[in-house]
C-alpha atoms as a PDB file:
ATOM      1  CA  MET A   1      15.834  16.831   2.703  1.00  0.00           C
ATOM      2  CA  ASP A   2      16.220  13.098   3.358  1.00  0.00           C
ATOM      3  CA  ASP A   3      14.799  10.508   0.945  1.00  0.00           C
ATOM      4  CA  LEU A   4      12.851   7.392   1.862  1.00  0.00           C
ATOM      5  CA  ILE A   5      12.925   4.900  -1.006  1.00  0.00           C
ATOM      6  CA  PHE A   6      10.159   2.301  -1.233  1.00  0.00           C
ATOM      7  CA  ARG A   7      10.860  -1.292  -2.258  1.00  0.00           C
ATOM      8  CA  LYS A   8       8.457  -3.044  -4.604  1.00  0.00           C
ATOM      9  CA  ILE A   9       6.838  -6.097  -3.027  1.00  0.00           C
ATOM     10  CA  CYS A  10       4.771  -7.319  -5.960  1.00  0.00           C
ATOM     11  CA  ALA A  11       2.532  -6.374  -8.855  1.00  0.00           C
ATOM     12  CA  PRO A  12      -1.176  -6.043  -8.060  1.00  0.00           C
ATOM     13  CA  PRO A  13      -3.300  -9.168  -8.499  1.00  0.00           C
ATOM     14  CA  ALA A  14      -4.556 -10.035 -11.946  1.00  0.00           C
ATOM     15  CA  THR A  15      -7.871  -8.554 -13.038  1.00  0.00           C
ATOM     16  CA  LEU A  16     -10.807 -10.814 -12.219  1.00  0.00           C
ATOM     17  CA  ASP A  17     -13.449 -11.230 -14.915  1.00  0.00           C
ATOM     18  CA  GLY A  18     -16.692  -9.611 -13.854  1.00  0.00           C
ATOM     19  CA  TYR A  19     -15.222  -7.914 -10.772  1.00  0.00           C
ATOM     20  CA  VAL A  20     -13.683  -4.542  -9.908  1.00  0.00           C
ATOM     21  CA  ALA A  21     -11.395  -3.630  -7.002  1.00  0.00           C
ATOM     22  CA  VAL A  22     -13.008  -1.495  -4.288  1.00  0.00           C
ATOM     23  CA  ALA A  23     -10.534  -1.656  -1.371  1.00  0.00           C
ATOM     24  CA  LYS A  24      -6.839  -2.268  -0.738  1.00  0.00           C
ATOM     25  CA  SER A  25      -5.211  -2.818   2.617  1.00  0.00           C
ATOM     26  CA  VAL A  26      -2.588  -4.722   4.585  1.00  0.00           C
ATOM     27  CA  ALA A  27      -3.154  -6.926   7.624  1.00  0.00           C
ATOM     28  CA  ASN A  28      -1.243  -6.798  10.888  1.00  0.00           C
ATOM     29  CA  ASN A  29       1.050  -9.629   9.742  1.00  0.00           C
ATOM     30  CA  GLY A  30       1.825  -8.001   6.380  1.00  0.00           C
ATOM     31  CA  THR A  31      -0.707  -9.938   4.289  1.00  0.00           C
ATOM     32  CA  LEU A  32      -1.805  -7.808   1.326  1.00  0.00           C
ATOM     33  CA  LEU A  33      -5.574  -7.517   0.878  1.00  0.00           C
ATOM     34  CA  PHE A  34      -7.578  -6.608  -2.233  1.00  0.00           C
ATOM     35  CA  LEU A  35     -11.372  -6.546  -2.029  1.00  0.00           C
ATOM     36  CA  PHE A  36     -13.397  -6.911  -5.240  1.00  0.00           C
ATOM     37  CA  VAL A  37     -17.105  -6.503  -5.955  1.00  0.00           C
ATOM     38  CA  GLU A  38     -19.055  -7.754  -8.947  1.00  0.00           C
ATOM     39  CA  ALA A  39     -18.914  -5.211 -11.759  1.00  0.00           C
ATOM     40  CA  ASP A  40     -22.677  -4.647 -11.826  1.00  0.00           C
ATOM     41  CA  ALA A  41     -22.452  -3.195  -8.299  1.00  0.00           C
ATOM     42  CA  LYS A  42     -19.549  -0.833  -9.058  1.00  0.00           C
ATOM     43  CA  GLU A  43     -21.696   2.314  -8.874  1.00  0.00           C
ATOM     44  CA  ALA A  44     -23.887   1.160  -5.987  1.00  0.00           C
ATOM     45  CA  VAL A  45     -20.927   0.405  -3.717  1.00  0.00           C
ATOM     46  CA  THR A  46     -19.676   4.003  -4.009  1.00  0.00           C
ATOM     47  CA  GLU A  47     -22.988   5.823  -4.420  1.00  0.00           C
ATOM     48  CA  ARG A  48     -23.497   9.241  -2.837  1.00  0.00           C
ATOM     49  CA  TYR A  49     -26.601  11.393  -2.591  1.00  0.00           C
ATOM     50  CA  ALA A  50     -27.248  15.110  -2.244  1.00  0.00           C
ATOM     51  CA  GLN A  51     -28.874  16.531   0.865  1.00  0.00           C
ATOM     52  CA  GLY A  52     -29.005  20.218   1.687  1.00  0.00           C
ATOM     53  CA  PHE A  53     -25.661  21.783   0.798  1.00  0.00           C
ATOM     54  CA  GLY A  54     -23.665  18.539   0.920  1.00  0.00           C
ATOM     55  CA  THR A  55     -23.363  15.045  -0.520  1.00  0.00           C
ATOM     56  CA  PHE A  56     -23.225  11.942   1.642  1.00  0.00           C
ATOM     57  CA  PRO A  57     -22.340   8.276   1.123  1.00  0.00           C
ATOM     58  CA  ARG A  58     -25.155   5.759   1.052  1.00  0.00           C
ATOM     59  CA  PRO A  59     -24.891   3.770   4.313  1.00  0.00           C
ATOM     60  CA  ARG A  60     -25.750   0.569   2.432  1.00  0.00           C
ATOM     61  CA  MET A  61     -26.601  -0.673  -1.033  1.00  0.00           C
ATOM     62  CA  ASN A  62     -30.253  -1.209  -1.916  1.00  0.00           C
ATOM     63  CA  SER A  63     -29.505  -4.787  -2.944  1.00  0.00           C
ATOM     64  CA  MET A  64     -26.892  -7.395  -2.109  1.00  0.00           C
ATOM     65  CA  ALA A  65     -23.773  -7.952  -4.209  1.00  0.00           C
ATOM     66  CA  ARG A  66     -21.036 -10.569  -4.442  1.00  0.00           C
ATOM     67  CA  PHE A  67     -17.571  -9.778  -3.110  1.00  0.00           C
ATOM     68  CA  LEU A  68     -14.230 -11.548  -3.414  1.00  0.00           C
ATOM     69  CA  LEU A  69     -11.107 -11.124  -1.296  1.00  0.00           C
ATOM     70  CA  VAL A  70      -7.770 -11.642  -3.014  1.00  0.00           C
ATOM     71  CA  TYR A  71      -4.876 -11.798  -0.578  1.00  0.00           C
ATOM     72  CA  ARG A  72      -1.139 -12.409  -0.803  1.00  0.00           C
ATOM     73  CA  ASP A  73       0.505 -14.294   2.037  1.00  0.00           C
ATOM     74  CA  ARG A  74       4.288 -14.295   1.494  1.00  0.00           C
ATOM     75  CA  THR A  75       4.505 -15.254  -2.202  1.00  0.00           C
ATOM     76  CA  ASP A  76       1.139 -16.804  -3.104  1.00  0.00           C
ATOM     77  CA  TRP A  77      -2.123 -15.212  -4.203  1.00  0.00           C
ATOM     78  CA  ASN A  78      -5.327 -16.667  -2.755  1.00  0.00           C
ATOM     79  CA  VAL A  79      -9.014 -15.980  -3.386  1.00  0.00           C
ATOM     80  CA  ILE A  80     -11.876 -16.146  -0.883  1.00  0.00           C
ATOM     81  CA  ASP A  81     -15.508 -16.054  -2.020  1.00  0.00           C
ATOM     82  CA  LEU A  82     -17.497 -13.906   0.373  1.00  0.00           C
ATOM     83  CA  PRO A  83     -21.247 -14.039   1.001  1.00  0.00           C
ATOM     84  CA  GLU A  84     -23.413 -11.415  -0.654  1.00  0.00           C
ATOM     85  CA  LEU A  85     -23.198  -8.099   1.208  1.00  0.00           C
ATOM     86  CA  ASN A  86     -24.705  -4.624   0.999  1.00  0.00           C
ATOM     87  CA  VAL A  87     -21.825  -2.564   2.480  1.00  0.00           C
ATOM     88  CA  THR A  88     -20.688   0.630   0.772  1.00  0.00           C
ATOM     89  CA  PHE A  89     -17.224   2.239   0.630  1.00  0.00           C
ATOM     90  CA  PRO A  90     -15.813  -0.891   2.326  1.00  0.00           C
ATOM     91  CA  LEU A  91     -12.702  -1.164   4.479  1.00  0.00           C
ATOM     92  CA  VAL A  92     -11.054  -4.577   4.819  1.00  0.00           C
ATOM     93  CA  ASP A  93      -8.712  -6.345   7.251  1.00  0.00           C
ATOM     94  CA  MET A  94      -7.928  -9.883   8.428  1.00  0.00           C
ATOM     95  CA  PHE A  95      -8.032 -11.463  11.883  1.00  0.00           C
ATOM     96  CA  PRO A  96      -5.107 -13.561  13.138  1.00  0.00           C
ATOM     97  CA  ASP A  97      -7.094 -16.774  12.485  1.00  0.00           C
ATOM     98  CA  GLY A  98      -7.731 -15.814   8.841  1.00  0.00           C
ATOM     99  CA  SER A  99     -11.275 -14.543   9.299  1.00  0.00           C
ATOM    100  CA  ILE A 100     -12.154 -11.430   7.314  1.00  0.00           C
ATOM    101  CA  LEU A 101     -13.342  -8.052   8.600  1.00  0.00           C
ATOM    102  CA  ILE A 102     -15.266  -5.798   6.227  1.00  0.00           C
ATOM    103  CA  VAL A 103     -16.502  -2.456   7.491  1.00  0.00           C
ATOM    104  CA  GLY A 104     -18.934  -0.021   5.919  1.00  0.00           C
ATOM    105  CA  PRO A 105     -17.934   3.419   7.227  1.00  0.00           C
ATOM    106  CA  ARG A 106     -21.527   4.658   7.550  1.00  0.00           C
ATOM    107  CA  SER A 107     -24.400   3.415   9.706  1.00  0.00           C
ATOM    108  CA  ALA A 108     -27.834   5.041   9.746  1.00  0.00           C
ATOM    109  CA  TRP A 109     -30.056   5.010  12.844  1.00  0.00           C
ATOM    110  CA  ARG A 110     -33.708   4.967  11.787  1.00  0.00           C
ATOM    111  CA  LYS A 111     -35.505   4.015  14.987  1.00  0.00           C
ATOM    112  CA  GLU A 112     -34.961   1.869  18.064  1.00  0.00           C
ATOM    113  CA  ASN A 113     -33.512  -1.519  17.050  1.00  0.00           C
ATOM    114  CA  ASP A 114     -33.359  -0.402  13.409  1.00  0.00           C
ATOM    115  CA  TYR A 115     -29.853   0.643  12.375  1.00  0.00           C
ATOM    116  CA  ASP A 116     -27.122  -0.599  10.063  1.00  0.00           C
ATOM    117  CA  LEU A 117     -24.833  -3.301  11.439  1.00  0.00           C
ATOM    118  CA  ASN A 118     -21.833  -2.102   9.466  1.00  0.00           C
ATOM    119  CA  GLY A 119     -19.175  -4.529  10.671  1.00  0.00           C
ATOM    120  CA  VAL A 120     -19.027  -7.885   8.849  1.00  0.00           C
ATOM    121  CA  ILE A 121     -16.956 -10.814  10.122  1.00  0.00           C
ATOM    122  CA  PHE A 122     -16.647 -13.879   7.903  1.00  0.00           C
ATOM    123  CA  ASP A 123     -14.805 -17.109   8.727  1.00  0.00           C
ATOM    124  CA  PRO A 124     -13.842 -18.746   5.402  1.00  0.00           C
ATOM    125  CA  ARG A 125     -13.281 -22.135   7.067  1.00  0.00           C
ATOM    126  CA  THR A 126     -16.703 -22.479   8.681  1.00  0.00           C
ATOM    127  CA  LYS A 127     -18.526 -20.087   6.284  1.00  0.00           C
ATOM    128  CA  GLN A 128     -20.045 -18.401   9.329  1.00  0.00           C
ATOM    129  CA  LEU A 129     -20.908 -14.721   9.004  1.00  0.00           C
ATOM    130  CA  SER A 130     -21.769 -12.276  11.764  1.00  0.00           C
ATOM    131  CA  ARG A 131     -22.625  -8.588  11.717  1.00  0.00           C
ATOM    132  CA  VAL A 132     -21.855  -6.084  14.476  1.00  0.00           C
ATOM    133  CA  LEU A 133     -22.429  -2.384  15.041  1.00  0.00           C
ATOM    134  CA  LEU A 134     -19.222  -0.343  14.813  1.00  0.00           C
ATOM    135  CA  GLY A 135     -20.853   3.064  14.512  1.00  0.00           C
ATOM    136  CA  ASP A 136     -21.211   5.781  11.917  1.00  0.00           C
ATOM    137  CA  GLY A 137     -18.581   8.111  10.446  1.00  0.00           C
ATOM    138  CA  ILE A 138     -15.667   5.658  10.463  1.00  0.00           C
ATOM    139  CA  ASN A 139     -12.314   6.848   9.150  1.00  0.00           C
ATOM    140  CA  SER A 140     -10.304   3.638   9.643  1.00  0.00           C
ATOM    141  CA  ALA A 141     -10.715   0.143  11.068  1.00  0.00           C
ATOM    142  CA  PHE A 142      -7.880  -2.300  11.763  1.00  0.00           C
ATOM    143  CA  VAL A 143      -7.473  -5.608  13.636  1.00  0.00           C
ATOM    144  CA  ASP A 144      -4.600  -6.189  16.085  1.00  0.00           C
ATOM    145  CA  LYS A 145      -2.798  -9.460  16.817  1.00  0.00           C
ATOM    146  CA  LEU A 146      -5.164 -10.173  19.727  1.00  0.00           C
ATOM    147  CA  GLY A 147      -8.156 -10.063  17.363  1.00  0.00           C
ATOM    148  CA  ARG A 148      -9.441  -6.735  18.674  1.00  0.00           C
ATOM    149  CA  ILE A 149     -10.970  -4.211  16.269  1.00  0.00           C
ATOM    150  CA  TRP A 150      -9.686  -0.626  16.510  1.00  0.00           C
ATOM    151  CA  VAL A 151     -11.946   2.015  14.933  1.00  0.00           C
ATOM    152  CA  SER A 152     -11.280   5.728  14.420  1.00  0.00           C
ATOM    153  CA  TYR A 153     -14.053   8.229  13.683  1.00  0.00           C
ATOM    154  CA  SER A 154     -14.579  11.444  11.760  1.00  0.00           C
ATOM    155  CA  ASP A 155     -16.352  14.474  13.190  1.00  0.00           C
ATOM    156  CA  GLU A 156     -19.695  13.085  11.957  1.00  0.00           C
ATOM    157  CA  GLY A 157     -19.077   9.845  13.831  1.00  0.00           C
ATOM    158  CA  ILE A 158     -18.136  11.769  16.977  1.00  0.00           C
ATOM    159  CA  PHE A 159     -20.798  14.491  17.069  1.00  0.00           C
ATOM    160  CA  GLY A 160     -23.541  12.626  15.228  1.00  0.00           C
ATOM    161  CA  ASN A 161     -25.254  12.275  11.864  1.00  0.00           C
ATOM    162  CA  PHE A 162     -27.542   9.829  10.052  1.00  0.00           C
ATOM    163  CA  GLY A 163     -29.828   9.799  13.110  1.00  0.00           C
ATOM    164  CA  TRP A 164     -27.124   9.214  15.722  1.00  0.00           C
ATOM    165  CA  GLY A 165     -26.998  11.902  18.397  1.00  0.00           C
ATOM    166  CA  GLY A 166     -30.569  12.996  17.593  1.00  0.00           C
ATOM    167  CA  PRO A 167     -33.164  11.685  17.410  1.00  0.00           C
ATOM    168  CA  GLY A 168     -31.141   8.519  18.081  1.00  0.00           C
ATOM    169  CA  PRO A 169     -28.711   7.669  20.896  1.00  0.00           C
ATOM    170  CA  THR A 170     -25.219   9.002  21.536  1.00  0.00           C
ATOM    171  CA  PRO A 171     -22.945   8.118  18.584  1.00  0.00           C
ATOM    172  CA  VAL A 172     -21.030   4.864  19.034  1.00  0.00           C
ATOM    173  CA  GLY A 173     -17.831   6.707  18.113  1.00  0.00           C
ATOM    174  CA  ALA A 174     -18.367   9.751  20.352  1.00  0.00           C
ATOM    175  CA  ALA A 175     -14.940   9.188  21.957  1.00  0.00           C
ATOM    176  CA  GLY A 176     -13.177   9.355  18.568  1.00  0.00           C
ATOM    177  CA  LEU A 177     -11.311   6.052  19.024  1.00  0.00           C
ATOM    178  CA  VAL A 178     -12.833   2.765  20.186  1.00  0.00           C
ATOM    179  CA  CYS A 179     -11.463  -0.763  20.614  1.00  0.00           C
ATOM    180  CA  PHE A 180     -14.055  -3.526  20.113  1.00  0.00           C
ATOM    181  CA  SER A 181     -14.052  -7.244  20.734  1.00  0.00           C
ATOM    182  CA  ARG A 182     -14.681  -9.541  17.808  1.00  0.00           C
ATOM    183  CA  ALA A 183     -18.259  -9.824  19.082  1.00  0.00           C
ATOM    184  CA  GLY A 184     -18.708  -6.064  18.681  1.00  0.00           C
ATOM    185  CA  ASP A 185     -18.550  -5.201  22.384  1.00  0.00           C
ATOM    186  CA  LYS A 186     -16.688  -2.052  23.430  1.00  0.00           C
ATOM    187  CA  ILE A 187     -13.521  -2.997  25.317  1.00  0.00           C
ATOM    188  CA  TRP A 188     -12.062   0.494  25.587  1.00  0.00           C
ATOM    189  CA  GLU A 189     -12.589   3.992  24.263  1.00  0.00           C
ATOM    190  CA  PHE A 190     -10.480   7.133  24.317  1.00  0.00           C
ATOM    191  CA  PRO A 191     -10.828   8.524  27.841  1.00  0.00           C
ATOM    192  CA  ASP A 192     -11.480  12.230  27.255  1.00  0.00           C
ATOM    193  CA  ASP A 193     -13.343  14.466  24.815  1.00  0.00           C
ATOM    194  CA  SER A 194     -10.307  15.995  23.093  1.00  0.00           C
ATOM    195  CA  ILE A 195     -10.770  14.230  19.724  1.00  0.00           C
ATOM    196  CA  ALA A 196     -12.844  16.210  17.208  1.00  0.00           C
ATOM    197  CA  ASP A 197     -11.714  13.997  14.288  1.00  0.00           C
ATOM    198  CA  CYS A 198      -9.375  11.002  14.462  1.00  0.00           C
ATOM    199  CA  TYR A 199      -7.430  11.716  11.271  1.00  0.00           C
ATOM    200  CA  ALA A 200      -5.012   8.767  11.221  1.00  0.00           C
ATOM    201  CA  LEU A 201      -4.826   5.347  12.899  1.00  0.00           C
ATOM    202  CA  ASN A 202      -1.922   2.880  12.939  1.00  0.00           C
ATOM    203  CA  VAL A 203      -2.465  -0.569  14.512  1.00  0.00           C
ATOM    204  CA  PHE A 204       0.610  -2.758  14.985  1.00  0.00           C
ATOM    205  CA  GLY A 205       1.042  -5.905  17.054  1.00  0.00           C
ATOM    206  CA  SER A 206      -1.324  -5.407  19.985  1.00  0.00           C
ATOM    207  CA  GLU A 207      -0.872  -1.624  20.129  1.00  0.00           C
ATOM    208  CA  ALA A 208      -2.324   1.387  18.337  1.00  0.00           C
ATOM    209  CA  ALA A 209      -1.401   5.004  17.671  1.00  0.00           C
ATOM    210  CA  VAL A 210      -3.440   7.935  16.404  1.00  0.00           C
ATOM    211  CA  CYS A 211      -3.014  11.496  15.191  1.00  0.00           C
ATOM    212  CA  THR A 212      -6.042  13.618  16.044  1.00  0.00           C
ATOM    213  CA  TYR A 213      -7.646  16.945  15.234  1.00  0.00           C
ATOM    214  CA  THR A 214      -7.473  19.772  16.272  1.00  0.00           C
ATOM    215  CA  ASP A 215      -3.808  20.171  17.292  1.00  0.00           C
ATOM    216  CA  PHE A 216      -2.538  16.899  15.751  1.00  0.00           C
ATOM    217  CA  PRO A 217      -0.922  15.341  18.832  1.00  0.00           C
ATOM    218  CA  ILE A 218       0.398  11.788  18.583  1.00  0.00           C
ATOM    219  CA  TRP A 219      -1.140   9.286  20.998  1.00  0.00           C
ATOM    220  CA  ARG A 220       0.261   5.785  21.485  1.00  0.00           C
ATOM    221  CA  ILE A 221      -1.942   3.175  23.187  1.00  0.00           C
ATOM    222  CA  SER A 222      -0.351   0.063  24.690  1.00  0.00           C
ATOM    223  CA  ASP A 223      -1.838  -3.430  24.601  1.00  0.00           C
ATOM    224  CA  SER A 224      -3.288  -2.761  28.070  1.00  0.00           C
ATOM    225  CA  PHE A 225      -4.539   0.727  27.032  1.00  0.00           C
ATOM    226  CA  GLY A 226      -1.818   2.783  28.662  1.00  0.00           C
ATOM    227  CA  LEU A 227      -1.394   6.168  26.948  1.00  0.00           C
ATOM    228  CA  LYS A 228       1.637   8.143  25.834  1.00  0.00           C
ATOM    229  CA  HIS A 229       1.239  11.563  24.263  1.00  0.00           C
ATOM    230  CA  TRP A 230       3.436  13.813  22.140  1.00  0.00           C
ATOM    231  CA  LYS A 231       2.591  17.333  21.019  1.00  0.00           C
ATOM    232  CA  SER A 232       3.498  17.911  17.386  1.00  0.00           C
ATOM    233  CA  GLU A 233       4.112  20.626  14.804  1.00  0.00           C
ATOM    234  CA  LEU A 234       1.997  18.835  12.206  1.00  0.00           C
ATOM    235  CA  GLY A 235      -0.660  20.654  10.227  1.00  0.00           C
ATOM    236  CA  GLY A 236      -2.643  17.619   9.098  1.00  0.00           C
ATOM    237  CA  CYS A 237      -2.032  13.883   8.841  1.00  0.00           C
ATOM    238  CA  ARG A 238      -3.578  11.271   6.538  1.00  0.00           C
ATOM    239  CA  THR A 239      -1.517   8.278   7.678  1.00  0.00           C
ATOM    240  CA  PHE A 240       1.753   7.621   9.465  1.00  0.00           C
ATOM    241  CA  ALA A 241       4.337   5.000  10.338  1.00  0.00           C
ATOM    242  CA  ILE A 242       5.612   4.749  13.898  1.00  0.00           C
ATOM    243  CA  SER A 243       8.420   2.912  15.678  1.00  0.00           C
ATOM    244  CA  ASP A 244       9.823   3.066  19.206  1.00  0.00           C
ATOM    245  CA  ASN A 245      11.874   6.131  18.319  1.00  0.00           C
ATOM    246  CA  SER A 246      10.325   7.792  15.263  1.00  0.00           C
ATOM    247  CA  ILE A 247       7.159   8.818  13.465  1.00  0.00           C
ATOM    248  CA  LEU A 248       6.758   9.625   9.776  1.00  0.00           C
ATOM    249  CA  ALA A 249       3.506  11.457   9.013  1.00  0.00           C
ATOM    250  CA  VAL A 250       2.012  11.934   5.549  1.00  0.00           C
ATOM    251  CA  GLY A 251      -0.825  14.215   4.489  1.00  0.00           C
ATOM    252  CA  GLN A 252      -0.132  17.610   5.981  1.00  0.00           C
ATOM    253  CA  TYR A 253      -2.411  20.236   4.457  1.00  0.00           C
ATOM    254  CA  ASP A 254      -1.158  21.484   1.051  1.00  0.00           C
ATOM    255  CA  ASP A 255       1.680  18.950   0.893  1.00  0.00           C
ATOM    256  CA  PRO A 256       2.140  16.941  -2.321  1.00  0.00           C
ATOM    257  CA  PRO A 257       1.728  13.150  -1.889  1.00  0.00           C
ATOM    258  CA  SER A 258       5.503  12.637  -1.958  1.00  0.00           C
ATOM    259  CA  ILE A 259       6.290  14.731   1.138  1.00  0.00           C
ATOM    260  CA  ALA A 260       6.260  13.336   4.654  1.00  0.00           C
ATOM    261  CA  HIS A 261       7.406  14.660   8.017  1.00  0.00           C
ATOM    262  CA  LEU A 262       9.839  12.765  10.254  1.00  0.00           C
ATOM    263  CA  GLY A 263       9.916  13.273  13.992  1.00  0.00           C
ATOM    264  CA  ARG A 264      11.986  11.680  16.759  1.00  0.00           C
ATOM    265  CA  LEU A 265       9.965  10.546  19.750  1.00  0.00           C
ATOM    266  CA  GLY A 266      11.367  11.386  23.138  1.00  0.00           C
ATOM    267  CA  GLN A 267      10.973   8.925  25.973  1.00  0.00           C
ATOM    268  CA  GLN A 268       8.583   9.742  28.773  1.00  0.00           C
ATOM    269  CA  GLU A 269       6.458   8.030  31.355  1.00  0.00           C
ATOM    270  CA  PRO A 270       2.938   6.912  30.395  1.00  0.00           C
ATOM    271  CA  THR A 271       0.350   9.705  30.724  1.00  0.00           C
ATOM    272  CA  LYS A 272       3.139  12.336  30.637  1.00  0.00           C
ATOM    273  CA  SER A 273       3.325  14.594  27.589  1.00  0.00           C
ATOM    274  CA  GLY A 274       6.367  14.907  25.352  1.00  0.00           C
ATOM    275  CA  SER A 275       6.880  16.836  22.131  1.00  0.00           C
ATOM    276  CA  VAL A 276       8.148  16.018  18.674  1.00  0.00           C
ATOM    277  CA  LYS A 277       9.726  18.299  16.095  1.00  0.00           C
ATOM    278  CA  THR A 278       9.606  17.229  12.461  1.00  0.00           C
ATOM    279  CA  SER A 279      11.630  17.646   9.284  1.00  0.00           C
ATOM    280  CA  ALA A 280      10.550  17.009   5.696  1.00  0.00           C
ATOM    281  CA  VAL A 281      11.298  13.705   3.931  1.00  0.00           C
ATOM    282  CA  GLN A 282      10.734  12.915   0.250  1.00  0.00           C
ATOM    283  CA  LEU A 283       9.006   9.619  -0.576  1.00  0.00           C
ATOM    284  CA  LEU A 284      10.409   7.943  -3.687  1.00  0.00           C
ATOM    285  CA  LEU A 285       9.661   4.830  -5.734  1.00  0.00           C
ATOM    286  CA  PRO A 286      12.525   2.448  -6.621  1.00  0.00           C
ATOM    287  CA  ASP A 287      13.157   4.284  -9.914  1.00  0.00           C
ATOM    288  CA  GLY A 288      13.599   7.584  -8.101  1.00  0.00           C
ATOM    289  CA  SER A 289      10.226   9.043  -9.091  1.00  0.00           C
ATOM    290  CA  ALA A 290       8.052  10.711  -6.466  1.00  0.00           C
ATOM    291  CA  LEU A 291       4.957   9.072  -5.025  1.00  0.00           C
ATOM    292  CA  SER A 292       1.701  10.277  -6.526  1.00  0.00           C
ATOM    293  CA  ASP A 293      -1.946   9.808  -5.533  1.00  0.00           C
ATOM    294  CA  GLY A 294      -1.901   6.126  -4.622  1.00  0.00           C
ATOM    295  CA  ARG A 295      -3.082   4.496  -1.393  1.00  0.00           C
ATOM    296  CA  LEU A 296      -0.763   4.865   1.625  1.00  0.00           C
ATOM    297  CA  ILE A 297      -1.206   2.783   4.789  1.00  0.00           C
ATOM    298  CA  GLY A 298       0.918   2.775   7.939  1.00  0.00           C
ATOM    299  CA  ARG A 299       1.277  -0.428   9.966  1.00  0.00           C
ATOM    300  CA  GLY A 300       3.887  -0.132  12.679  1.00  0.00           C
ATOM    301  CA  SER A 301       7.160   1.212  11.281  1.00  0.00           C
ATOM    302  CA  TYR A 302       6.170   0.319   7.710  1.00  0.00           C
ATOM    303  CA  LEU A 303       4.510   2.529   5.128  1.00  0.00           C
ATOM    304  CA  TYR A 304       2.754   0.619   2.336  1.00  0.00           C
ATOM    305  CA  TYR A 305       1.980   2.254  -1.000  1.00  0.00           C
ATOM    306  CA  PHE A 306      -0.503   0.885  -3.538  1.00  0.00           C
ATOM    307  CA  ASP A 307      -0.754   2.150  -7.122  1.00  0.00           C
ATOM    308  CA  GLU A 308      -1.747   0.684 -10.468  1.00  0.00           C
ATOM    309  CA  ALA A 309       1.757  -0.711 -11.053  1.00  0.00           C
ATOM    310  CA  GLY A 310       2.351  -2.474  -7.768  1.00  0.00           C
ATOM    311  CA  VAL A 311       2.582  -2.595  -3.997  1.00  0.00           C
ATOM    312  CA  TYR A 312       5.568  -1.025  -2.269  1.00  0.00           C
ATOM    313  CA  ARG A 313       6.889  -0.855   1.286  1.00  0.00           C
ATOM    314  CA  ALA A 314       9.316   1.335   3.209  1.00  0.00           C
ATOM    315  CA  ASP A 315      10.621   1.078   6.789  1.00  0.00           C
ATOM    316  CA  ILE A 316      11.076   4.345   8.655  1.00  0.00           C
ATOM    317  CA  ASP A 317      13.687   2.761  10.921  1.00  0.00           C
ATOM    318  CA  VAL A 318      16.193   3.165   8.072  1.00  0.00           C
ATOM    319  CA  LEU A 319      15.971   6.959   8.375  1.00  0.00           C
END
């Protein structure tokens, strides 16, 4: 089994008095992002409720709370004060011009013209804030270098819940993968109904790639929305790194966090299907210890790993 050794980029940002971290991510250009909320809202921002046989996230907080974004560009830490927001379980990314995207993964439809605008865009230079509808049941949301917002959806976002799909309109994410403009307009959506759950999304440069349920194929989408498709042997995928020649997928069912699966991508014409066979790779920290239950994010050929001790990065092109 091959080893992929991560390199430590930095320690996490210092603790902020009165705030707790609620999201970690990395922008398209490699900027590290840490979203904080005031401590009094710690429970509200991750609140769930019971209904029937399941529990569900609250689509929004009952009251507004203060958020801060701490980001690291090259070697310096910076802090942005954000307006008060009511998003829950937030995802965070950054536009090429430095504006901030915050996404609440859930959006409830209550009646016509009454639903949660769960995409927040804030320009720290002008202090302007806008809210857009990105749909319910969001798995991931990332911004590309053209400022487009790519959103992947879970089965609830595809087939409907929280009022979408009945009694409300067709779910925004019915296609499983959607590309939006910064204004929240749909630019493109996945062209067939084969996605039952978009498990993993990687946005890099002006392209995107996804691994989808049920058979876990790999789809690569060009900047002009051309499609390439590889069948895979994967049995699950939480995130992945991808380059011109390789893919490294993490999160196969029953795998420990330190095991990934490397596949070599064959070349084929757009819209033609290829296939990829995979072999196991062990993910290791610089001291040789195995990765545990931290946060893994794929952006292009890089895998980023966040834990309490630091932020780490590995490039699959070295394999």
